[in-house]
Structure formats: C-alpha cells, structure tokens
Amino acid sequence: MIEKLCDKLTKKIQNKMPEIDNERAEVINYGLQLVMGEIPKTFILIAIAYAFGVLKLSILALLFIMPYKTFSGGVHLKTHIGCIVVTSLFYVGNALLSKNIVFNPIHIKYIVITLTWIFSMVMIKLYAPADTEAVPILRKKERVLKRNLSYITMTLTLLVAIFVTNAIISNLLIFGTLIQTISITRFIYKLTNSKYGYEEYVKTEKIQI
C-alpha cells in the first residue's frame, strides 16, 4: 500500500517537473517510502518496546548507536514488515540483552569490548560505508570520509562503554556497536538478499570519482 502511494506521488512530481529523469525519480520514490514507512514503524517499535518494559532503554539504544550507524550504513530490508522485525530486534533486542546480561568478573567486559573493536575495525575496512542499491554512495571522497568517521564513532562508542559506570548503559553501547557492525557485513546482505549499491555501480561502470 505504501509502495503504491509513493509510486503515485512520484509520478505526480515527475509530471509537474519534467526535468526529473527516471534515475532521480527512483531516489525520490525511495525517500518517500522511507518517510512514510518510518511513521508506522516508529509507533510499532514503541509499542513492542513498551510491551517488553524496555521503552527507555530502546530509545537510548537508538540514540547511542546513531552516529556510528549514520556513517557506516547497513542493510535495508525491502519490505516494511521485514524492516519492522529487524529494527525491533536491533533496538529492543539490544535493550533486553543489556538489561539481563552481566559481565562478571569485570575483565570479561574488557575482553568483549576489545574483540568487538577488532571485529568492527576489520568489517569497516572491508564494507563501510555499506550502502544500498536505492541510495548508493558513489563518490570516492565521500566513501573515504564516511569510512574514517565510522572508525572514529565506533571507537569512541566503545571507549565510553569502558568508562561509564552504569552496567546497562555500557552494555547498550557494546551490543549496539556489535549489532551495527554485523549489519554491514556481506553475510547479512546475502542473508537478506540485498546488494551493496557501490558494487552494483562498479559492475555497470557508472561510478563517479
């Protein structure tokens, strides 16, 4: 239903603005679907988090990982239902894990953070920024900038996790970083039948430098 409505809106925009070609129209359509899909998804996510008693923690999980997620990218599900499920697992799942897992003795926490950092550094090097077919990141300078900012935001997030005294907040930062890193990997892209936009454009020699 949302897809059909967005298609109609995109066609109306094209009719009123003939200078918009099909490629730009696809980007507009994708943007409309994101905006219109986010509204019901947000309410559903809030309802799920509230039902599990982790609403505040889920909101914090979203806020804490947003900088790293913004720069590193990640898989985007093609259906709204799939997106709702994955988003709920990401934030609500993170909140539940953080609330119920205790690193004891404390050195286990530092080992987990170190392993998460190493894993994330390697995955960022290989895949970040992880884009999509609908919104590929084509310019080399932009890709390099976002990759470097991914290194920085990921590292800062884990550094905060080391020094914060609240165990649940620390866990939110650790698990959020780990989940976000996993979301940019080739395994997840294959699992969700998604493709990196950058690689698709390289294949067709449309990339801009």
N, C-alpha and C. Protein backbone atom coordinates (compact mmCIF):
# COMPACT_ATOMS: atom_id res chain seq x y z
N MET A 1 0.83 -1.21 0.00
CA MET A 1 0.00 0.00 0.00
C MET A 1 0.86 1.26 0.00
N ILE A 2 1.88 1.28 0.86
CA ILE A 2 2.77 2.43 0.93
C ILE A 2 3.53 2.58 -0.39
N GLU A 3 3.97 1.44 -0.97
CA GLU A 3 4.70 1.49 -2.22
C GLU A 3 3.85 2.09 -3.35
N LYS A 4 2.58 1.69 -3.42
CA LYS A 4 1.68 2.21 -4.47
C LYS A 4 1.46 3.70 -4.30
N LEU A 5 1.26 4.13 -3.06
CA LEU A 5 1.04 5.55 -2.80
C LEU A 5 2.27 6.36 -3.18
N CYS A 6 3.44 5.85 -2.84
CA CYS A 6 4.68 6.55 -3.18
C CYS A 6 4.90 6.60 -4.69
N ASP A 7 4.53 5.52 -5.38
CA ASP A 7 4.64 5.49 -6.84
C ASP A 7 3.76 6.58 -7.47
N LYS A 8 2.55 6.74 -6.95
CA LYS A 8 1.63 7.75 -7.47
C LYS A 8 2.17 9.16 -7.21
N LEU A 9 2.70 9.37 -6.01
CA LEU A 9 3.26 10.68 -5.67
C LEU A 9 4.48 11.00 -6.53
N THR A 10 5.29 10.00 -6.78
CA THR A 10 6.48 10.20 -7.62
C THR A 10 6.08 10.56 -9.05
N LYS A 11 5.07 9.89 -9.58
CA LYS A 11 4.61 10.20 -10.94
C LYS A 11 4.04 11.61 -11.04
N LYS A 12 3.33 12.04 -9.99
CA LYS A 12 2.80 13.41 -9.98
C LYS A 12 3.93 14.43 -9.95
N ILE A 13 4.96 14.12 -9.18
CA ILE A 13 6.12 15.02 -9.12
C ILE A 13 6.80 15.10 -10.48
N GLN A 14 6.94 13.95 -11.15
CA GLN A 14 7.57 13.93 -12.47
C GLN A 14 6.74 14.70 -13.50
N ASN A 15 5.42 14.57 -13.39
CA ASN A 15 4.53 15.27 -14.33
C ASN A 15 4.66 16.79 -14.18
N LYS A 16 4.80 17.24 -12.93
CA LYS A 16 4.91 18.68 -12.68
C LYS A 16 6.33 19.20 -12.91
N MET A 17 7.30 18.28 -12.83
CA MET A 17 8.71 18.67 -13.02
C MET A 17 9.36 17.74 -14.04
N PRO A 18 9.15 17.99 -15.31
CA PRO A 18 9.66 17.11 -16.38
C PRO A 18 11.17 16.93 -16.38
N GLU A 19 11.89 17.87 -15.75
CA GLU A 19 13.36 17.77 -15.74
C GLU A 19 13.86 16.62 -14.87
N ILE A 20 12.98 16.05 -14.07
CA ILE A 20 13.36 14.91 -13.22
C ILE A 20 13.37 13.64 -14.06
N ASP A 21 14.55 13.07 -14.26
CA ASP A 21 14.65 11.84 -15.05
C ASP A 21 14.29 10.63 -14.19
N ASN A 22 14.31 9.45 -14.80
CA ASN A 22 13.89 8.23 -14.10
C ASN A 22 14.82 7.88 -12.94
N GLU A 23 16.11 8.16 -13.10
CA GLU A 23 17.06 7.85 -12.03
C GLU A 23 16.79 8.70 -10.80
N ARG A 24 16.55 10.00 -11.01
CA ARG A 24 16.25 10.89 -9.89
C ARG A 24 14.88 10.56 -9.29
N ALA A 25 13.97 10.12 -10.14
CA ALA A 25 12.64 9.74 -9.66
C ALA A 25 12.71 8.54 -8.73
N GLU A 26 13.63 7.61 -9.02
CA GLU A 26 13.81 6.44 -8.14
C GLU A 26 14.31 6.87 -6.76
N VAL A 27 15.20 7.84 -6.74
CA VAL A 27 15.72 8.35 -5.47
C VAL A 27 14.60 9.02 -4.68
N ILE A 28 13.77 9.82 -5.38
CA ILE A 28 12.64 10.49 -4.73
C ILE A 28 11.66 9.46 -4.18
N ASN A 29 11.38 8.45 -4.98
CA ASN A 29 10.45 7.39 -4.55
C ASN A 29 10.98 6.67 -3.32
N TYR A 30 12.26 6.40 -3.32
CA TYR A 30 12.89 5.73 -2.18
C TYR A 30 12.77 6.60 -0.93
N GLY A 31 13.00 7.90 -1.09
CA GLY A 31 12.90 8.82 0.03
C GLY A 31 11.49 8.89 0.59
N LEU A 32 10.51 8.91 -0.30
CA LEU A 32 9.11 8.94 0.14
C LEU A 32 8.75 7.69 0.91
N GLN A 33 9.24 6.55 0.42
CA GLN A 33 8.95 5.29 1.11
C GLN A 33 9.59 5.25 2.49
N LEU A 34 10.79 5.82 2.59
CA LEU A 34 11.45 5.86 3.89
C LEU A 34 10.65 6.70 4.88
N VAL A 35 10.23 7.88 4.43
CA VAL A 35 9.49 8.80 5.32
C VAL A 35 8.16 8.19 5.73
N MET A 36 7.40 7.72 4.75
CA MET A 36 6.07 7.18 5.03
C MET A 36 6.13 5.84 5.76
N GLY A 37 7.21 5.11 5.55
CA GLY A 37 7.35 3.82 6.23
C GLY A 37 7.84 3.97 7.66
N GLU A 38 8.58 5.06 7.92
CA GLU A 38 9.15 5.27 9.25
C GLU A 38 8.07 5.58 10.29
N ILE A 39 7.01 6.27 9.88
CA ILE A 39 5.98 6.69 10.84
C ILE A 39 5.29 5.51 11.51
N PRO A 40 4.70 4.57 10.73
CA PRO A 40 4.08 3.41 11.40
C PRO A 40 5.10 2.51 12.09
N LYS A 41 6.30 2.42 11.49
CA LYS A 41 7.35 1.58 12.08
C LYS A 41 7.74 2.10 13.46
N THR A 42 7.81 3.42 13.59
CA THR A 42 8.18 4.02 14.86
C THR A 42 7.16 3.70 15.94
N PHE A 43 5.86 3.82 15.60
CA PHE A 43 4.81 3.53 16.58
C PHE A 43 4.81 2.05 16.97
N ILE A 44 5.04 1.18 16.00
CA ILE A 44 5.09 -0.26 16.29
C ILE A 44 6.28 -0.58 17.18
N LEU A 45 7.43 0.04 16.87
CA LEU A 45 8.63 -0.18 17.68
C LEU A 45 8.41 0.28 19.12
N ILE A 46 7.76 1.43 19.28
CA ILE A 46 7.47 1.95 20.62
C ILE A 46 6.55 0.99 21.38
N ALA A 47 5.54 0.47 20.67
CA ALA A 47 4.59 -0.45 21.29
C ALA A 47 5.29 -1.74 21.74
N ILE A 48 6.16 -2.27 20.90
CA ILE A 48 6.89 -3.50 21.24
C ILE A 48 7.81 -3.27 22.44
N ALA A 49 8.54 -2.16 22.39
CA ALA A 49 9.46 -1.84 23.49
C ALA A 49 8.71 -1.65 24.80
N TYR A 50 7.57 -0.98 24.71
CA TYR A 50 6.75 -0.76 25.92
C TYR A 50 6.22 -2.08 26.47
N ALA A 51 5.81 -2.96 25.57
CA ALA A 51 5.27 -4.26 26.00
C ALA A 51 6.32 -5.09 26.74
N PHE A 52 7.59 -4.95 26.32
CA PHE A 52 8.66 -5.69 26.98
C PHE A 52 9.26 -4.92 28.16
N GLY A 53 8.74 -3.73 28.42
CA GLY A 53 9.22 -2.95 29.54
C GLY A 53 10.59 -2.34 29.36
N VAL A 54 10.98 -2.10 28.10
CA VAL A 54 12.32 -1.54 27.84
C VAL A 54 12.22 -0.33 26.91
N LEU A 55 11.17 0.46 27.03
CA LEU A 55 10.98 1.60 26.13
C LEU A 55 12.13 2.59 26.24
N LYS A 56 12.45 3.01 27.46
CA LYS A 56 13.52 4.00 27.65
C LYS A 56 14.86 3.46 27.18
N LEU A 57 15.13 2.20 27.48
CA LEU A 57 16.39 1.61 27.06
C LEU A 57 16.47 1.48 25.54
N SER A 58 15.35 1.19 24.90
CA SER A 58 15.34 1.06 23.43
C SER A 58 15.61 2.41 22.77
N ILE A 59 15.04 3.46 23.35
CA ILE A 59 15.29 4.81 22.83
C ILE A 59 16.76 5.18 23.00
N LEU A 60 17.31 4.84 24.16
CA LEU A 60 18.73 5.10 24.39
C LEU A 60 19.61 4.30 23.43
N ALA A 61 19.22 3.05 23.17
CA ALA A 61 19.97 2.21 22.23
C ALA A 61 20.01 2.86 20.86
N LEU A 62 18.89 3.41 20.45
CA LEU A 62 18.82 4.09 19.15
C LEU A 62 19.72 5.32 19.13
N LEU A 63 19.63 6.14 20.17
CA LEU A 63 20.40 7.38 20.22
C LEU A 63 21.90 7.12 20.30
N PHE A 64 22.28 6.13 21.11
CA PHE A 64 23.70 5.86 21.32
C PHE A 64 24.40 5.39 20.04
N ILE A 65 23.70 4.58 19.25
CA ILE A 65 24.36 3.98 18.09
C ILE A 65 24.15 4.79 16.81
N MET A 66 23.33 5.83 16.86
CA MET A 66 23.00 6.59 15.66
C MET A 66 24.23 7.19 14.96
N PRO A 67 25.19 7.79 15.68
CA PRO A 67 26.36 8.33 14.97
C PRO A 67 27.11 7.28 14.17
N TYR A 68 27.39 6.14 14.79
CA TYR A 68 28.10 5.06 14.10
C TYR A 68 27.28 4.53 12.92
N LYS A 69 25.99 4.36 13.13
CA LYS A 69 25.12 3.85 12.08
C LYS A 69 25.02 4.82 10.90
N THR A 70 24.99 6.11 11.19
CA THR A 70 24.89 7.13 10.15
C THR A 70 26.05 7.04 9.17
N PHE A 71 27.24 6.81 9.67
CA PHE A 71 28.42 6.80 8.81
C PHE A 71 28.73 5.43 8.22
N SER A 72 28.44 4.36 8.95
CA SER A 72 28.80 3.02 8.47
C SER A 72 27.74 2.40 7.57
N GLY A 73 26.50 2.89 7.65
CA GLY A 73 25.43 2.36 6.80
C GLY A 73 24.87 1.07 7.32
N GLY A 74 24.53 0.18 6.41
CA GLY A 74 23.97 -1.11 6.82
C GLY A 74 22.84 -1.56 5.92
N VAL A 75 22.46 -2.79 6.08
CA VAL A 75 21.43 -3.38 5.23
C VAL A 75 20.09 -2.69 5.44
N HIS A 76 19.32 -2.60 4.36
CA HIS A 76 17.97 -2.05 4.45
C HIS A 76 17.01 -3.06 3.84
N LEU A 77 16.08 -3.53 4.64
CA LEU A 77 15.13 -4.54 4.17
C LEU A 77 14.19 -3.97 3.12
N LYS A 78 13.80 -4.80 2.17
CA LYS A 78 12.99 -4.34 1.04
C LYS A 78 11.51 -4.26 1.37
N THR A 79 11.07 -4.92 2.43
CA THR A 79 9.66 -4.86 2.83
C THR A 79 9.55 -4.15 4.17
N HIS A 80 8.42 -3.50 4.38
CA HIS A 80 8.22 -2.77 5.63
C HIS A 80 8.11 -3.72 6.82
N ILE A 81 7.50 -4.88 6.58
CA ILE A 81 7.38 -5.87 7.66
C ILE A 81 8.76 -6.35 8.09
N GLY A 82 9.58 -6.68 7.10
CA GLY A 82 10.94 -7.12 7.40
C GLY A 82 11.73 -6.04 8.13
N CYS A 83 11.53 -4.81 7.71
CA CYS A 83 12.23 -3.69 8.34
C CYS A 83 11.79 -3.52 9.80
N ILE A 84 10.51 -3.68 10.05
CA ILE A 84 9.98 -3.57 11.42
C ILE A 84 10.57 -4.66 12.31
N VAL A 85 10.62 -5.88 11.78
CA VAL A 85 11.15 -7.01 12.54
C VAL A 85 12.62 -6.78 12.89
N VAL A 86 13.41 -6.41 11.87
CA VAL A 86 14.85 -6.23 12.08
C VAL A 86 15.12 -5.05 13.01
N THR A 87 14.40 -3.94 12.82
CA THR A 87 14.58 -2.78 13.68
C THR A 87 14.24 -3.10 15.13
N SER A 88 13.17 -3.86 15.32
CA SER A 88 12.77 -4.26 16.68
C SER A 88 13.84 -5.13 17.32
N LEU A 89 14.38 -6.07 16.54
CA LEU A 89 15.45 -6.92 17.06
C LEU A 89 16.68 -6.09 17.40
N PHE A 90 16.94 -5.09 16.57
CA PHE A 90 18.12 -4.25 16.76
C PHE A 90 18.03 -3.48 18.08
N TYR A 91 16.96 -2.72 18.26
CA TYR A 91 16.89 -1.83 19.41
C TYR A 91 16.26 -2.48 20.65
N VAL A 92 15.14 -3.17 20.47
CA VAL A 92 14.51 -3.83 21.60
C VAL A 92 15.37 -5.00 22.05
N GLY A 93 15.91 -5.74 21.08
CA GLY A 93 16.79 -6.85 21.41
C GLY A 93 18.02 -6.40 22.17
N ASN A 94 18.59 -5.29 21.72
CA ASN A 94 19.75 -4.73 22.41
C ASN A 94 19.39 -4.35 23.85
N ALA A 95 18.24 -3.73 24.02
CA ALA A 95 17.80 -3.32 25.37
C ALA A 95 17.62 -4.52 26.28
N LEU A 96 17.01 -5.57 25.77
CA LEU A 96 16.78 -6.78 26.58
C LEU A 96 18.10 -7.45 26.95
N LEU A 97 19.02 -7.55 25.98
CA LEU A 97 20.33 -8.13 26.27
C LEU A 97 21.07 -7.31 27.33
N SER A 98 21.05 -6.01 27.13
CA SER A 98 21.79 -5.12 28.04
C SER A 98 21.23 -5.17 29.46
N LYS A 99 19.95 -5.37 29.56
CA LYS A 99 19.29 -5.39 30.86
C LYS A 99 19.56 -6.69 31.61
N ASN A 100 19.75 -7.77 30.87
CA ASN A 100 19.81 -9.08 31.51
C ASN A 100 21.19 -9.74 31.55
N ILE A 101 22.15 -9.19 30.81
CA ILE A 101 23.48 -9.78 30.80
C ILE A 101 24.42 -8.99 31.71
N VAL A 102 25.14 -9.70 32.54
CA VAL A 102 26.10 -9.07 33.46
C VAL A 102 27.48 -9.66 33.19
N PHE A 103 28.45 -8.76 32.95
CA PHE A 103 29.83 -9.22 32.76
C PHE A 103 30.51 -9.30 34.12
N ASN A 104 30.72 -10.53 34.56
CA ASN A 104 31.29 -10.75 35.89
C ASN A 104 32.23 -11.96 35.83
N PRO A 105 33.50 -11.80 36.10
CA PRO A 105 34.18 -10.59 36.59
C PRO A 105 34.31 -9.52 35.50
N ILE A 106 34.71 -8.31 35.92
CA ILE A 106 34.70 -7.15 35.05
C ILE A 106 35.65 -7.27 33.86
N HIS A 107 36.71 -8.07 34.00
CA HIS A 107 37.67 -8.16 32.89
C HIS A 107 37.03 -8.82 31.66
N ILE A 108 35.95 -9.57 31.85
CA ILE A 108 35.25 -10.16 30.71
C ILE A 108 34.67 -9.06 29.83
N LYS A 109 34.17 -8.01 30.47
CA LYS A 109 33.65 -6.87 29.73
C LYS A 109 34.73 -6.26 28.84
N TYR A 110 35.94 -6.12 29.36
CA TYR A 110 37.03 -5.52 28.59
C TYR A 110 37.46 -6.42 27.43
N ILE A 111 37.39 -7.72 27.66
CA ILE A 111 37.70 -8.67 26.58
C ILE A 111 36.67 -8.55 25.46
N VAL A 112 35.38 -8.48 25.85
CA VAL A 112 34.31 -8.36 24.86
C VAL A 112 34.46 -7.06 24.07
N ILE A 113 34.77 -5.97 24.75
CA ILE A 113 34.95 -4.68 24.08
C ILE A 113 36.13 -4.75 23.11
N THR A 114 37.22 -5.35 23.53
CA THR A 114 38.40 -5.46 22.66
C THR A 114 38.09 -6.28 21.41
N LEU A 115 37.43 -7.42 21.60
CA LEU A 115 37.08 -8.27 20.45
C LEU A 115 36.09 -7.55 19.52
N THR A 116 35.14 -6.83 20.10
CA THR A 116 34.17 -6.07 19.30
C THR A 116 34.88 -5.00 18.50
N TRP A 117 35.85 -4.33 19.11
CA TRP A 117 36.60 -3.28 18.42
C TRP A 117 37.40 -3.85 17.25
N ILE A 118 38.09 -4.95 17.48
CA ILE A 118 38.89 -5.58 16.42
C ILE A 118 37.99 -6.02 15.27
N PHE A 119 36.90 -6.70 15.61
CA PHE A 119 35.96 -7.17 14.59
C PHE A 119 35.40 -5.99 13.79
N SER A 120 35.03 -4.92 14.49
CA SER A 120 34.44 -3.75 13.83
C SER A 120 35.45 -3.05 12.94
N MET A 121 36.69 -2.94 13.38
CA MET A 121 37.73 -2.31 12.56
C MET A 121 37.91 -3.05 11.23
N VAL A 122 37.91 -4.37 11.30
CA VAL A 122 38.08 -5.18 10.08
C VAL A 122 36.88 -5.03 9.16
N MET A 123 35.68 -5.10 9.73
CA MET A 123 34.46 -5.01 8.92
C MET A 123 34.29 -3.63 8.30
N ILE A 124 34.65 -2.59 9.04
CA ILE A 124 34.59 -1.23 8.48
C ILE A 124 35.54 -1.12 7.29
N LYS A 125 36.75 -1.65 7.46
CA LYS A 125 37.72 -1.63 6.38
C LYS A 125 37.19 -2.32 5.13
N LEU A 126 36.50 -3.42 5.32
CA LEU A 126 36.01 -4.22 4.20
C LEU A 126 34.72 -3.66 3.57
N TYR A 127 33.80 -3.15 4.40
CA TYR A 127 32.45 -2.88 3.89
C TYR A 127 31.92 -1.46 4.09
N ALA A 128 32.46 -0.70 5.01
CA ALA A 128 31.88 0.62 5.27
C ALA A 128 32.38 1.65 4.24
N PRO A 129 31.53 2.59 3.86
CA PRO A 129 30.11 2.66 4.22
C PRO A 129 29.30 1.65 3.41
N ALA A 130 28.48 0.86 4.11
CA ALA A 130 27.66 -0.16 3.47
C ALA A 130 26.39 0.50 2.94
N ASP A 131 26.35 0.70 1.62
CA ASP A 131 25.21 1.40 1.02
C ASP A 131 24.20 0.42 0.45
N THR A 132 23.19 0.94 -0.24
CA THR A 132 22.15 0.12 -0.84
C THR A 132 22.02 0.46 -2.32
N GLU A 133 21.32 -0.39 -3.06
CA GLU A 133 21.09 -0.13 -4.48
C GLU A 133 20.29 1.15 -4.68
N ALA A 134 19.34 1.40 -3.79
CA ALA A 134 18.48 2.57 -3.94
C ALA A 134 19.23 3.87 -3.69
N VAL A 135 20.14 3.85 -2.72
CA VAL A 135 20.92 5.05 -2.39
C VAL A 135 22.40 4.67 -2.31
N PRO A 136 23.03 4.49 -3.47
CA PRO A 136 24.45 4.13 -3.48
C PRO A 136 25.33 5.33 -3.13
N ILE A 137 26.47 5.06 -2.52
CA ILE A 137 27.46 6.10 -2.23
C ILE A 137 28.57 5.93 -3.25
N LEU A 138 28.61 6.83 -4.22
CA LEU A 138 29.46 6.62 -5.38
C LEU A 138 30.77 7.40 -5.36
N ARG A 139 30.78 8.55 -4.75
CA ARG A 139 31.98 9.38 -4.80
C ARG A 139 33.05 8.86 -3.84
N LYS A 140 34.26 8.75 -4.36
CA LYS A 140 35.37 8.19 -3.59
C LYS A 140 35.64 9.00 -2.32
N LYS A 141 35.62 10.33 -2.43
CA LYS A 141 35.89 11.17 -1.26
C LYS A 141 34.84 10.96 -0.17
N GLU A 142 33.58 10.82 -0.58
CA GLU A 142 32.51 10.60 0.39
C GLU A 142 32.67 9.25 1.07
N ARG A 143 33.05 8.24 0.31
CA ARG A 143 33.23 6.91 0.88
C ARG A 143 34.39 6.90 1.88
N VAL A 144 35.48 7.54 1.51
CA VAL A 144 36.64 7.59 2.41
C VAL A 144 36.29 8.34 3.69
N LEU A 145 35.58 9.46 3.55
CA LEU A 145 35.19 10.26 4.72
C LEU A 145 34.30 9.46 5.65
N LYS A 146 33.29 8.80 5.10
CA LYS A 146 32.36 8.04 5.93
C LYS A 146 33.05 6.83 6.57
N ARG A 147 33.98 6.23 5.86
CA ARG A 147 34.72 5.11 6.45
C ARG A 147 35.55 5.59 7.63
N ASN A 148 36.24 6.69 7.47
CA ASN A 148 37.06 7.24 8.56
C ASN A 148 36.20 7.65 9.75
N LEU A 149 35.05 8.25 9.48
CA LEU A 149 34.15 8.63 10.56
C LEU A 149 33.54 7.41 11.24
N SER A 150 33.41 6.32 10.49
CA SER A 150 32.94 5.06 11.09
C SER A 150 33.96 4.54 12.10
N TYR A 151 35.25 4.58 11.71
CA TYR A 151 36.31 4.18 12.65
C TYR A 151 36.22 5.02 13.94
N ILE A 152 36.08 6.32 13.75
CA ILE A 152 36.11 7.24 14.89
C ILE A 152 34.91 7.04 15.81
N THR A 153 33.70 7.04 15.23
CA THR A 153 32.49 6.93 16.06
C THR A 153 32.38 5.57 16.73
N MET A 154 32.80 4.52 16.04
CA MET A 154 32.78 3.19 16.65
C MET A 154 33.73 3.13 17.83
N THR A 155 34.95 3.64 17.65
CA THR A 155 35.95 3.61 18.71
C THR A 155 35.51 4.45 19.91
N LEU A 156 34.97 5.64 19.65
CA LEU A 156 34.51 6.49 20.74
C LEU A 156 33.37 5.84 21.52
N THR A 157 32.48 5.17 20.80
CA THR A 157 31.35 4.49 21.45
C THR A 157 31.85 3.43 22.42
N LEU A 158 32.83 2.66 21.99
CA LEU A 158 33.37 1.61 22.85
C LEU A 158 34.22 2.18 23.99
N LEU A 159 34.88 3.31 23.75
CA LEU A 159 35.63 3.95 24.83
C LEU A 159 34.70 4.43 25.94
N VAL A 160 33.56 4.98 25.54
CA VAL A 160 32.56 5.40 26.53
C VAL A 160 32.07 4.18 27.30
N ALA A 161 31.90 3.06 26.59
CA ALA A 161 31.44 1.82 27.25
C ALA A 161 32.42 1.35 28.32
N ILE A 162 33.70 1.64 28.12
CA ILE A 162 34.71 1.23 29.09
C ILE A 162 34.59 2.03 30.39
N PHE A 163 34.38 3.34 30.24
CA PHE A 163 34.46 4.22 31.41
C PHE A 163 33.12 4.50 32.09
N VAL A 164 32.00 4.27 31.40
CA VAL A 164 30.71 4.54 32.03
C VAL A 164 30.50 3.55 33.18
N THR A 165 29.97 4.04 34.27
CA THR A 165 29.82 3.19 35.46
C THR A 165 28.54 2.37 35.46
N ASN A 166 27.51 2.84 34.75
CA ASN A 166 26.24 2.11 34.70
C ASN A 166 26.38 0.90 33.77
N ALA A 167 26.21 -0.29 34.32
CA ALA A 167 26.43 -1.52 33.56
C ALA A 167 25.48 -1.66 32.37
N ILE A 168 24.22 -1.27 32.54
CA ILE A 168 23.24 -1.41 31.46
C ILE A 168 23.57 -0.46 30.32
N ILE A 169 23.92 0.78 30.63
CA ILE A 169 24.30 1.75 29.60
C ILE A 169 25.54 1.26 28.85
N SER A 170 26.50 0.74 29.60
CA SER A 170 27.71 0.21 28.99
C SER A 170 27.37 -0.93 28.02
N ASN A 171 26.47 -1.82 28.44
CA ASN A 171 26.05 -2.92 27.59
C ASN A 171 25.36 -2.43 26.32
N LEU A 172 24.52 -1.39 26.45
CA LEU A 172 23.84 -0.83 25.29
C LEU A 172 24.85 -0.37 24.24
N LEU A 173 25.91 0.23 24.69
CA LEU A 173 26.94 0.71 23.78
C LEU A 173 27.71 -0.44 23.13
N ILE A 174 28.02 -1.45 23.93
CA ILE A 174 28.78 -2.60 23.40
C ILE A 174 27.95 -3.40 22.41
N PHE A 175 26.75 -3.82 22.83
CA PHE A 175 25.91 -4.65 21.96
C PHE A 175 25.42 -3.86 20.75
N GLY A 176 25.16 -2.57 20.93
CA GLY A 176 24.73 -1.74 19.81
C GLY A 176 25.82 -1.67 18.74
N THR A 177 27.06 -1.49 19.18
CA THR A 177 28.18 -1.45 18.24
C THR A 177 28.33 -2.77 17.51
N LEU A 178 28.24 -3.86 18.25
CA LEU A 178 28.40 -5.18 17.65
C LEU A 178 27.29 -5.47 16.63
N ILE A 179 26.05 -5.18 17.00
CA ILE A 179 24.93 -5.43 16.09
C ILE A 179 25.04 -4.56 14.84
N GLN A 180 25.39 -3.28 15.02
CA GLN A 180 25.54 -2.39 13.88
C GLN A 180 26.64 -2.87 12.95
N THR A 181 27.74 -3.32 13.50
CA THR A 181 28.83 -3.83 12.67
C THR A 181 28.39 -5.05 11.88
N ILE A 182 27.66 -5.94 12.53
CA ILE A 182 27.17 -7.14 11.85
C ILE A 182 26.25 -6.75 10.69
N SER A 183 25.50 -5.65 10.84
CA SER A 183 24.54 -5.24 9.81
C SER A 183 25.19 -4.76 8.52
N ILE A 184 26.50 -4.48 8.55
CA ILE A 184 27.17 -4.03 7.32
C ILE A 184 27.90 -5.16 6.61
N THR A 185 27.91 -6.35 7.19
CA THR A 185 28.70 -7.45 6.64
C THR A 185 28.06 -8.08 5.41
N ARG A 186 28.89 -8.71 4.61
CA ARG A 186 28.39 -9.39 3.41
C ARG A 186 27.45 -10.53 3.77
N PHE A 187 27.70 -11.19 4.89
CA PHE A 187 26.82 -12.29 5.32
C PHE A 187 25.39 -11.81 5.48
N ILE A 188 25.20 -10.67 6.16
CA ILE A 188 23.85 -10.14 6.37
C ILE A 188 23.23 -9.69 5.06
N TYR A 189 24.02 -9.11 4.19
CA TYR A 189 23.50 -8.68 2.88
C TYR A 189 23.02 -9.89 2.08
N LYS A 190 23.78 -10.98 2.11
CA LYS A 190 23.36 -12.18 1.40
C LYS A 190 22.15 -12.81 2.07
N LEU A 191 22.13 -12.80 3.39
CA LEU A 191 21.02 -13.39 4.14
C LEU A 191 19.71 -12.68 3.83
N THR A 192 19.76 -11.37 3.62
CA THR A 192 18.56 -10.57 3.35
C THR A 192 18.35 -10.32 1.85
N ASN A 193 19.18 -10.98 1.02
CA ASN A 193 19.08 -10.82 -0.43
C ASN A 193 19.22 -9.36 -0.85
N SER A 194 20.18 -8.68 -0.21
CA SER A 194 20.44 -7.28 -0.53
C SER A 194 21.79 -7.16 -1.26
N LYS A 195 22.03 -6.00 -1.85
CA LYS A 195 23.26 -5.76 -2.59
C LYS A 195 23.86 -4.41 -2.19
N TYR A 196 25.17 -4.35 -2.18
CA TYR A 196 25.84 -3.08 -1.95
C TYR A 196 25.71 -2.22 -3.21
N GLY A 197 25.17 -1.02 -3.03
CA GLY A 197 24.95 -0.14 -4.18
C GLY A 197 26.23 0.20 -4.91
N TYR A 198 27.30 0.40 -4.17
CA TYR A 198 28.60 0.75 -4.75
C TYR A 198 29.07 -0.36 -5.70
N GLU A 199 28.98 -1.58 -5.26
CA GLU A 199 29.45 -2.70 -6.08
C GLU A 199 28.61 -2.86 -7.34
N GLU A 200 27.31 -2.62 -7.25
CA GLU A 200 26.44 -2.74 -8.42
C GLU A 200 26.79 -1.69 -9.46
N TYR A 201 27.14 -0.49 -9.01
CA TYR A 201 27.51 0.56 -9.95
C TYR A 201 28.89 0.30 -10.56
N VAL A 202 29.78 -0.31 -9.80
CA VAL A 202 31.09 -0.66 -10.35
C VAL A 202 30.92 -1.66 -11.50
N LYS A 203 30.02 -2.60 -11.32
CA LYS A 203 29.77 -3.61 -12.35
C LYS A 203 29.30 -2.98 -13.65
N THR A 204 28.49 -1.94 -13.54
CA THR A 204 27.94 -1.30 -14.73
C THR A 204 28.74 -0.08 -15.16
N GLU A 205 29.87 0.15 -14.47
CA GLU A 205 30.80 1.24 -14.82
C GLU A 205 30.11 2.60 -14.77
N LYS A 206 29.25 2.78 -13.76
CA LYS A 206 28.57 4.06 -13.60
C LYS A 206 29.13 4.87 -12.45
N ILE A 207 30.17 4.37 -11.83
CA ILE A 207 30.67 5.05 -10.64
C ILE A 207 31.30 6.39 -10.96
N GLN A 208 31.11 7.36 -10.07
CA GLN A 208 31.68 8.69 -10.23
C GLN A 208 32.82 8.86 -9.25
N ILE A 209 33.91 9.39 -9.69
CA ILE A 209 35.08 9.63 -8.82
C ILE A 209 35.20 11.13 -8.55
